[in-house]
Amino acid sequence: MKFLIVIPDGAADEPQASLGGKTPLATAQTPAMDALATRGQVGETNHVPDSLNPGSEVACMSLLGYDPLTFFTGRAPLEAAAKGIELGPNDWAVRCNLVTIGRGPEGAVMEDFTADHISTDEAAALLEAAQASLSRDFPEAVGWEFATGVSYRNLLIYRSDAGRQAPLGTDLRTTAPHDRVGQPIADAFPRGTGSRLLTDIMARSEEWLADHPVNAARRAAGKGVATHLWLWGAGPRPSFTPFVQQHGINGVMITAVDLLRGLANLAGWTCREVAGATGYLDTDYDAKGRAAIDELASSDLVCVHVEAPDEAGHEGNAAAKVTAIEEIDRHIVAPVVAHLEQRKTAGEEYRVLICPDHPTFLATRMHSRGRVPYLLAGEGISGSEQTSYDEVAASTGALIEPGWQLMERFLGTNT
């Protein structure tokens, strides 16, 4: 049996006036997904417990079959795992975005949580300067080190030792910068144990970065600049039960996002890197589809994660969100399912799961908690009355809640 999972990140949404009162999923031309819907099951699930923030770190953990209420410690530790950064028992990881903060009528405003999609090389240079400034301006910040990631997505790692207690606490609460785009940030700074240090670093970073050659060059080129470091998603190392121990098989993750790489690593999966996979709207969908087909030759379970619908949601771009969904259908779902059908003629059955992690509403440009549509199809999954894959069709199907149980339904016999 082969298993295919497709995660169109943030694809779920509300009806849009600009789309004639339809959601992006309902508007998009998705013949491959709709064909699966006619012979499978479409329903709803919810990957975000009420007590946790509706981020991909929580929702994708649930989608992969891990109960966030048991396993979640924070977003940054997951991204540290993606980079192979080992955290000790008292170490912490903090997500560090390079962002653009401007001034509005109500004070400081989050203009861009990506610093105009700053390059990885530029980010590395800025963080090198920030590291030197941190050591100079915060002599008490012993054990802190920046770790360069991809583009604006980076980390700040705290290394403990036997003589030091971690300066952050489990009561620490932070705000994701992508949830504050175009909004004032006065009430979005860290709160709880250790928040003063994080807030002070964020504030001081303005002067660290202001005159850096990277920002000077970006200004001269008419690009947005990184005005600040934004710290969030902090947590200690998590402890996952290996996926193979739970389900008897292992998986391969295809993604351009460190968060998903980290979840895969912690679950014991391997990660397939794909040239041209950007984690943005310009990602190479076709290359991801080809990689999935290639991996199915030797792997029982392949998961393809696509960030593009989520990015379109954060930008409030309905047309781009529709296009991203259509590209997923055309270049990933259609060819990979066609390949699985060919394998079926040789006697090998398969199942497919398609499900967003959370809604990313165009109206708010933010992640949201709430139900998302799933699609299950393949061997042993009986058909239902739905003829399309979208939020309306899903609302008439079965509800699987909590969301982490969807994986058991997908892999098991309870269909």
Protein backbone atom coordinates (compact mmCIF):
# COMPACT_ATOMS: atom_id res chain seq x y z
CA MET A 1 0.00 0.00 0.00
CA LYS A 2 1.24 3.48 -0.90
CA PHE A 3 0.10 6.60 0.96
CA LEU A 4 0.13 10.16 -0.41
CA ILE A 5 -0.51 13.24 1.74
CA VAL A 6 -0.86 16.70 0.22
CA ILE A 7 -0.93 19.73 2.54
CA PRO A 8 -2.11 22.91 0.77
CA ASP A 9 -1.06 25.12 3.66
CA GLY A 10 -3.67 27.70 4.68
CA ALA A 11 -5.90 26.93 1.68
CA ALA A 12 -9.16 26.94 3.68
CA ASP A 13 -10.95 30.28 3.71
CA GLU A 14 -14.26 32.14 3.78
CA PRO A 15 -16.46 33.13 0.81
CA GLN A 16 -15.00 36.16 -0.97
CA ALA A 17 -16.96 38.94 -2.64
CA SER A 18 -14.15 39.25 -5.18
CA LEU A 19 -14.70 35.58 -6.09
CA GLY A 20 -18.45 35.84 -6.52
CA GLY A 21 -19.21 34.68 -3.00
CA LYS A 22 -17.10 31.53 -3.26
CA THR A 23 -14.04 30.44 -1.35
CA PRO A 24 -10.69 30.11 -3.17
CA LEU A 25 -11.01 26.30 -3.00
CA ALA A 26 -14.48 26.43 -4.54
CA THR A 27 -13.34 28.92 -7.19
CA ALA A 28 -10.21 27.07 -8.25
CA GLN A 29 -10.38 24.64 -11.15
CA THR A 30 -9.31 21.40 -9.47
CA PRO A 31 -10.37 18.47 -11.66
CA ALA A 32 -7.93 16.02 -10.03
CA MET A 33 -9.12 16.75 -6.49
CA ASP A 34 -12.75 16.75 -7.55
CA ALA A 35 -12.31 13.37 -9.23
CA LEU A 36 -10.92 11.98 -5.98
CA ALA A 37 -13.85 13.51 -4.10
CA THR A 38 -16.40 11.68 -6.25
CA ARG A 39 -14.94 8.31 -5.26
CA GLY A 40 -13.76 9.19 -1.78
CA GLN A 41 -14.87 11.11 1.28
CA VAL A 42 -14.84 14.84 1.95
CA GLY A 43 -15.42 16.10 5.47
CA GLU A 44 -14.17 18.47 8.15
CA THR A 45 -11.55 18.36 10.86
CA ASN A 46 -9.91 20.81 13.26
CA HIS A 47 -6.19 20.70 13.92
CA VAL A 48 -5.96 23.52 16.49
CA PRO A 49 -7.00 22.95 20.12
CA ASP A 50 -8.72 25.94 21.71
CA SER A 51 -5.87 26.44 24.17
CA LEU A 52 -3.15 26.81 21.50
CA ASN A 53 -2.39 29.44 18.89
CA PRO A 54 -3.59 28.62 15.35
CA GLY A 55 -0.14 28.38 13.77
CA SER A 56 1.23 25.82 11.35
CA GLU A 57 3.47 24.53 14.13
CA VAL A 58 0.38 23.29 16.00
CA ALA A 59 -1.82 22.46 13.02
CA CYS A 60 0.77 20.53 10.99
CA MET A 61 1.80 18.58 14.08
CA SER A 62 -1.82 17.49 14.38
CA LEU A 63 -2.07 16.73 10.68
CA LEU A 64 0.89 14.35 10.99
CA GLY A 65 -0.95 12.50 13.74
CA TYR A 66 0.61 14.01 16.87
CA ASP A 67 -1.64 15.45 19.56
CA PRO A 68 -0.39 19.04 20.08
CA LEU A 69 -1.65 19.02 23.66
CA THR A 70 0.85 16.25 24.33
CA PHE A 71 3.81 17.03 22.08
CA PHE A 72 3.88 20.78 21.39
CA THR A 73 6.51 22.90 23.18
CA GLY A 74 6.90 25.78 20.71
CA ARG A 75 7.56 26.50 17.06
CA ALA A 76 11.25 27.34 17.21
CA PRO A 77 12.34 23.95 18.61
CA LEU A 78 10.74 22.30 15.57
CA GLU A 79 12.73 24.53 13.23
CA ALA A 80 15.89 23.84 15.21
CA ALA A 81 15.31 20.13 14.59
CA ALA A 82 15.07 20.88 10.86
CA LYS A 83 18.57 22.37 10.94
CA GLY A 84 19.99 19.50 12.92
CA ILE A 85 20.45 21.73 15.97
CA GLU A 86 20.41 19.50 19.02
CA LEU A 87 18.83 21.09 22.08
CA GLY A 88 19.91 19.99 25.54
CA PRO A 89 17.42 19.39 28.36
CA ASN A 90 17.58 23.05 29.49
CA ASP A 91 18.21 24.67 26.10
CA TRP A 92 15.62 26.80 24.31
CA ALA A 93 15.04 27.90 20.72
CA VAL A 94 13.38 31.18 19.75
CA ARG A 95 12.16 32.00 16.24
CA CYS A 96 13.82 35.17 14.92
CA ASN A 97 12.18 36.94 11.98
CA LEU A 98 13.81 39.79 10.12
CA VAL A 99 10.90 42.21 9.75
CA THR A 100 10.01 45.70 8.59
CA ILE A 101 8.32 47.89 11.19
CA GLY A 102 7.07 51.34 10.23
CA ARG A 103 5.12 54.16 11.76
CA GLY A 104 1.38 54.67 11.44
CA PRO A 105 -1.24 56.93 13.01
CA GLU A 106 -1.50 54.52 15.95
CA GLY A 107 2.25 54.07 16.42
CA ALA A 108 4.56 51.26 15.29
CA VAL A 109 3.02 48.94 12.65
CA MET A 110 4.18 45.57 11.26
CA GLU A 111 4.65 46.46 7.61
CA ASP A 112 6.29 43.23 6.41
CA PHE A 113 7.05 40.06 8.37
CA THR A 114 9.56 38.96 5.67
CA ALA A 115 11.64 42.17 5.30
CA ASP A 116 10.63 42.14 1.63
CA HIS A 117 11.70 38.47 1.34
CA ILE A 118 15.29 39.22 2.26
CA SER A 119 17.82 36.72 0.92
CA THR A 120 19.51 34.10 3.08
CA ASP A 121 22.96 35.61 2.47
CA GLU A 122 21.69 39.04 3.52
CA ALA A 123 20.07 37.58 6.61
CA ALA A 124 23.32 35.84 7.57
CA ALA A 125 25.23 39.13 7.37
CA LEU A 126 22.66 40.96 9.48
CA LEU A 127 22.62 38.24 12.12
CA GLU A 128 26.41 38.20 12.31
CA ALA A 129 26.28 41.90 13.18
CA ALA A 130 23.42 41.28 15.62
CA GLN A 131 25.46 38.60 17.39
CA ALA A 132 28.35 40.99 17.96
CA SER A 133 25.97 43.71 19.17
CA LEU A 134 24.14 41.30 21.48
CA SER A 135 27.39 40.35 23.21
CA ARG A 136 28.33 44.02 23.58
CA ASP A 137 24.99 45.46 24.70
CA PHE A 138 23.70 42.54 26.77
CA PRO A 139 26.61 41.09 28.76
CA GLU A 140 24.05 39.22 30.83
CA ALA A 141 22.87 37.30 27.74
CA VAL A 142 25.38 34.49 28.20
CA GLY A 143 24.68 31.40 26.09
CA TRP A 144 22.63 33.12 23.37
CA GLU A 145 23.52 32.62 19.70
CA PHE A 146 21.79 33.41 16.41
CA ALA A 147 21.38 30.66 13.82
CA THR A 148 20.77 31.58 10.20
CA GLY A 149 17.87 29.84 8.51
CA VAL A 150 16.26 30.58 5.16
CA SER A 151 15.51 34.18 4.16
CA TYR A 152 13.68 35.95 6.97
CA ARG A 153 13.19 32.74 8.98
CA ASN A 154 15.97 32.40 11.54
CA LEU A 155 16.56 31.30 15.14
CA LEU A 156 17.99 32.54 18.42
CA ILE A 157 19.29 29.61 20.50
CA TYR A 158 19.84 29.63 24.26
CA ARG A 159 22.50 27.18 25.48
CA SER A 160 22.34 26.31 29.15
CA ASP A 161 24.92 24.63 31.36
CA ALA A 162 24.94 23.07 34.79
CA GLY A 163 25.41 26.44 36.48
CA ARG A 164 22.67 28.37 34.71
CA GLN A 165 18.91 28.13 34.79
CA ALA A 166 17.03 28.77 31.56
CA PRO A 167 15.97 32.46 31.53
CA LEU A 168 12.68 31.67 29.78
CA GLY A 169 9.62 30.03 31.27
CA THR A 170 6.68 27.94 30.15
CA ASP A 171 4.43 30.94 30.83
CA LEU A 172 6.18 32.91 28.06
CA ARG A 173 3.72 34.11 25.40
CA THR A 174 4.74 35.62 22.07
CA THR A 175 3.02 36.81 18.89
CA ALA A 176 3.77 35.65 15.35
CA PRO A 177 4.65 38.65 13.16
CA HIS A 178 2.62 37.32 10.23
CA ASP A 179 -0.46 37.69 12.43
CA ARG A 180 0.12 41.44 12.79
CA VAL A 181 0.68 42.56 9.21
CA GLY A 182 -0.63 46.09 8.74
CA GLN A 183 -1.56 46.30 12.41
CA PRO A 184 -0.12 48.12 15.46
CA ILE A 185 2.32 46.05 17.50
CA ALA A 186 2.16 47.85 20.85
CA ASP A 187 0.37 44.93 22.49
CA ALA A 188 2.20 42.18 20.58
CA PHE A 189 5.46 42.01 22.49
CA PRO A 190 6.47 38.97 24.57
CA ARG A 191 4.84 38.43 27.96
CA GLY A 192 5.85 36.16 30.86
CA THR A 193 9.10 34.81 32.23
CA GLY A 194 12.02 36.04 30.14
CA SER A 195 9.94 38.48 28.13
CA ARG A 196 11.90 41.55 29.26
CA LEU A 197 15.13 40.29 27.71
CA LEU A 198 13.43 39.32 24.44
CA THR A 199 11.62 42.65 24.21
CA ASP A 200 14.83 44.57 24.93
CA ILE A 201 16.68 42.66 22.20
CA MET A 202 13.88 43.38 19.73
CA ALA A 203 13.93 47.09 20.57
CA ARG A 204 17.73 47.41 20.45
CA SER A 205 17.91 45.58 17.12
CA GLU A 206 16.61 48.70 15.38
CA GLU A 207 19.92 50.48 15.94
CA TRP A 208 21.93 47.32 15.24
CA LEU A 209 20.45 46.99 11.75
CA ALA A 210 19.71 50.59 10.72
CA ASP A 211 23.02 51.45 9.04
CA HIS A 212 24.17 47.97 8.10
CA PRO A 213 25.57 47.71 4.54
CA VAL A 214 22.91 45.10 3.66
CA ASN A 215 20.11 47.56 4.43
CA ALA A 216 21.96 50.40 2.71
CA ALA A 217 22.25 48.33 -0.46
CA ARG A 218 18.60 47.30 -0.29
CA ARG A 219 17.48 50.91 0.09
CA ALA A 220 19.57 51.91 -2.91
CA ALA A 221 17.95 49.12 -4.93
CA GLY A 222 14.45 50.22 -3.89
CA LYS A 223 13.86 47.14 -1.76
CA GLY A 224 12.37 46.90 1.71
CA VAL A 225 14.81 46.72 4.61
CA ALA A 226 15.05 44.69 7.81
CA THR A 227 14.38 47.23 10.52
CA HIS A 228 14.10 44.84 13.49
CA LEU A 229 14.47 41.34 14.82
CA TRP A 230 11.16 39.86 15.96
CA LEU A 231 11.39 37.07 18.54
CA TRP A 232 8.59 34.55 19.00
CA GLY A 233 7.67 30.85 19.08
CA ALA A 234 10.06 30.02 21.93
CA GLY A 235 10.26 26.62 23.57
CA PRO A 236 12.44 23.79 24.89
CA ARG A 237 13.10 20.60 22.99
CA PRO A 238 10.05 18.35 22.35
CA SER A 239 10.01 14.58 22.68
CA PHE A 240 8.23 12.77 19.85
CA THR A 241 7.16 9.15 19.64
CA PRO A 242 8.61 7.85 16.34
CA PHE A 243 5.99 7.63 13.60
CA VAL A 244 7.01 4.10 12.70
CA GLN A 245 6.46 3.04 16.31
CA GLN A 246 2.90 4.39 16.16
CA HIS A 247 1.89 3.33 12.66
CA GLY A 248 4.33 0.71 11.43
CA ILE A 249 5.58 2.73 8.45
CA ASN A 250 7.85 5.70 7.89
CA GLY A 251 7.46 8.72 5.66
CA VAL A 252 9.21 11.20 3.39
CA MET A 253 8.53 14.94 3.63
CA ILE A 254 8.77 17.23 0.60
CA THR A 255 8.68 20.87 1.68
CA ALA A 256 10.54 24.17 1.45
CA VAL A 257 9.72 25.16 5.04
CA ASP A 258 11.95 24.41 8.03
CA LEU A 259 8.96 23.90 10.31
CA LEU A 260 7.82 20.88 8.30
CA ARG A 261 11.38 19.60 8.00
CA GLY A 262 11.63 19.75 11.77
CA LEU A 263 8.36 17.92 12.33
CA ALA A 264 9.49 15.25 9.88
CA ASN A 265 12.86 14.85 11.56
CA LEU A 266 11.31 14.54 15.00
CA ALA A 267 8.85 11.95 13.67
CA GLY A 268 11.73 9.95 12.20
CA TRP A 269 10.92 10.71 8.55
CA THR A 270 13.42 11.64 5.89
CA CYS A 271 13.26 14.92 3.98
CA ARG A 272 13.57 15.27 0.21
CA GLU A 273 15.02 18.58 -0.90
CA VAL A 274 13.69 19.91 -4.21
CA ALA A 275 15.48 22.49 -6.33
CA GLY A 276 13.11 25.36 -7.06
CA ALA A 277 10.95 24.79 -3.98
CA THR A 278 10.85 28.25 -2.41
CA GLY A 279 8.10 28.22 0.22
CA TYR A 280 6.48 31.07 -1.71
CA LEU A 281 4.12 31.65 -4.63
CA ASP A 282 6.92 31.11 -7.14
CA THR A 283 7.68 27.59 -5.93
CA ASP A 284 8.25 24.88 -8.53
CA TYR A 285 5.06 22.83 -8.19
CA ASP A 286 6.02 20.52 -11.04
CA ALA A 287 9.35 19.67 -9.42
CA LYS A 288 7.56 18.77 -6.19
CA GLY A 289 5.21 16.47 -8.08
CA ARG A 290 8.11 14.75 -9.84
CA ALA A 291 9.95 14.34 -6.54
CA ALA A 292 6.88 12.70 -4.98
CA ILE A 293 6.65 10.20 -7.83
CA ASP A 294 10.34 9.44 -7.49
CA GLU A 295 10.07 8.87 -3.73
CA LEU A 296 7.08 6.55 -4.09
CA ALA A 297 9.37 4.04 -5.77
CA SER A 298 11.02 3.29 -2.44
CA SER A 299 8.81 4.86 0.25
CA ASP A 300 5.44 3.77 1.56
CA LEU A 301 4.29 7.26 2.58
CA VAL A 302 5.10 10.57 0.86
CA CYS A 303 3.89 13.94 2.14
CA VAL A 304 4.00 17.04 -0.08
CA HIS A 305 3.62 20.35 1.74
CA VAL A 306 3.02 23.54 -0.25
CA GLU A 307 3.26 26.91 1.52
CA ALA A 308 1.98 29.04 -1.38
CA PRO A 309 -1.76 29.26 -0.47
CA ASP A 310 -0.78 30.41 3.03
CA GLU A 311 1.52 33.10 1.63
CA ALA A 312 -1.28 34.34 -0.65
CA GLY A 313 -3.58 34.49 2.37
CA HIS A 314 -1.08 36.58 4.32
CA GLU A 315 -0.88 38.95 1.37
CA GLY A 316 -4.68 39.19 1.08
CA ASN A 317 -4.35 38.13 -2.57
CA ALA A 318 -7.41 36.10 -3.55
CA ALA A 319 -6.35 35.58 -7.17
CA ALA A 320 -2.94 34.28 -6.10
CA LYS A 321 -4.55 31.88 -3.63
CA VAL A 322 -6.79 30.46 -6.35
CA THR A 323 -3.81 30.09 -8.66
CA ALA A 324 -1.75 28.31 -6.01
CA ILE A 325 -4.52 25.79 -5.40
CA GLU A 326 -4.88 25.17 -9.13
CA GLU A 327 -1.13 24.65 -9.48
CA ILE A 328 -1.18 22.09 -6.67
CA ASP A 329 -3.99 20.23 -8.42
CA ARG A 330 -2.37 20.39 -11.87
CA HIS A 331 1.26 19.66 -11.04
CA ILE A 332 1.10 17.58 -7.86
CA VAL A 333 -2.23 15.85 -7.31
CA ALA A 334 -2.98 14.98 -10.95
CA PRO A 335 0.38 13.47 -11.96
CA VAL A 336 1.06 11.71 -8.66
CA VAL A 337 -2.40 10.11 -8.56
CA ALA A 338 -1.97 9.08 -12.20
CA HIS A 339 1.29 7.42 -11.19
CA LEU A 340 -0.43 5.66 -8.29
CA GLU A 341 -3.13 4.43 -10.67
CA GLN A 342 -0.43 2.92 -12.87
CA ARG A 343 1.02 1.14 -9.85
CA LYS A 344 -2.46 -0.09 -9.00
CA THR A 345 -2.68 -1.93 -12.32
CA ALA A 346 0.36 -3.88 -11.16
CA GLY A 347 -1.48 -4.82 -7.96
CA GLU A 348 -0.34 -2.11 -5.55
CA GLU A 349 -3.16 -0.22 -3.81
CA TYR A 350 -2.96 3.34 -2.54
CA ARG A 351 -4.66 6.01 -0.44
CA VAL A 352 -4.62 9.78 -0.70
CA LEU A 353 -5.19 12.42 2.01
CA ILE A 354 -5.52 16.10 1.09
CA CYS A 355 -5.99 18.57 3.93
CA PRO A 356 -4.92 22.11 4.86
CA ASP A 357 -3.47 22.61 8.30
CA HIS A 358 -5.57 25.68 9.22
CA PRO A 359 -7.51 28.46 7.49
CA THR A 360 -5.56 31.58 6.50
CA PHE A 361 -8.29 34.13 5.92
CA LEU A 362 -7.81 36.66 3.14
CA ALA A 363 -9.90 39.15 5.10
CA THR A 364 -7.59 39.17 8.12
CA ARG A 365 -4.37 37.94 6.47
CA MET A 366 -3.95 35.75 9.53
CA HIS A 367 -3.96 32.11 10.53
CA SER A 368 -7.19 31.12 12.23
CA ARG A 369 -8.45 28.21 14.28
CA GLY A 370 -11.47 26.35 12.99
CA ARG A 371 -12.49 23.50 10.74
CA VAL A 372 -10.75 22.69 7.47
CA PRO A 373 -11.85 20.36 4.66
CA TYR A 374 -10.17 16.96 4.27
CA LEU A 375 -10.33 14.54 1.36
CA LEU A 376 -9.77 10.81 1.79
CA ALA A 377 -9.70 8.48 -1.20
CA GLY A 378 -8.33 5.12 -2.23
CA GLU A 379 -8.35 1.50 -1.17
CA GLY A 380 -11.00 0.66 1.43
CA ILE A 381 -12.50 4.16 1.52
CA SER A 382 -16.08 4.09 0.32
CA GLY A 383 -17.46 6.90 -1.81
CA SER A 384 -19.96 9.48 -0.60
CA GLU A 385 -22.27 12.02 -2.20
CA GLN A 386 -19.73 14.83 -2.66
CA THR A 387 -18.60 15.75 -6.14
CA SER A 388 -16.07 18.44 -5.31
CA TYR A 389 -13.40 19.25 -2.77
CA ASP A 390 -14.16 22.52 -1.00
CA GLU A 391 -15.53 23.91 2.24
CA VAL A 392 -19.19 23.61 1.28
CA ALA A 393 -18.86 19.95 0.26
CA ALA A 394 -16.88 19.23 3.41
CA SER A 395 -19.58 20.71 5.64
CA THR A 396 -21.93 17.90 4.58
CA GLY A 397 -19.39 15.15 5.35
CA ALA A 398 -18.14 13.47 8.49
CA LEU A 399 -16.41 15.48 11.21
CA ILE A 400 -13.17 13.99 12.53
CA GLU A 401 -12.13 15.74 15.71
CA PRO A 402 -9.59 16.18 17.24
CA GLY A 403 -7.62 16.56 14.05
CA TRP A 404 -4.69 14.34 15.00
CA GLN A 405 -7.01 11.35 14.73
CA LEU A 406 -7.34 11.96 10.97
CA MET A 407 -3.98 10.24 10.43
CA GLU A 408 -5.24 7.11 12.17
CA ARG A 409 -8.32 7.18 9.96
CA PHE A 410 -6.13 7.60 6.86
CA LEU A 411 -3.72 4.79 7.67
CA GLY A 412 -6.06 2.45 9.54
CA THR A 413 -9.05 0.30 8.71
CA ASN A 414 -11.73 2.50 10.29
CA THR A 415 -12.98 4.01 7.05
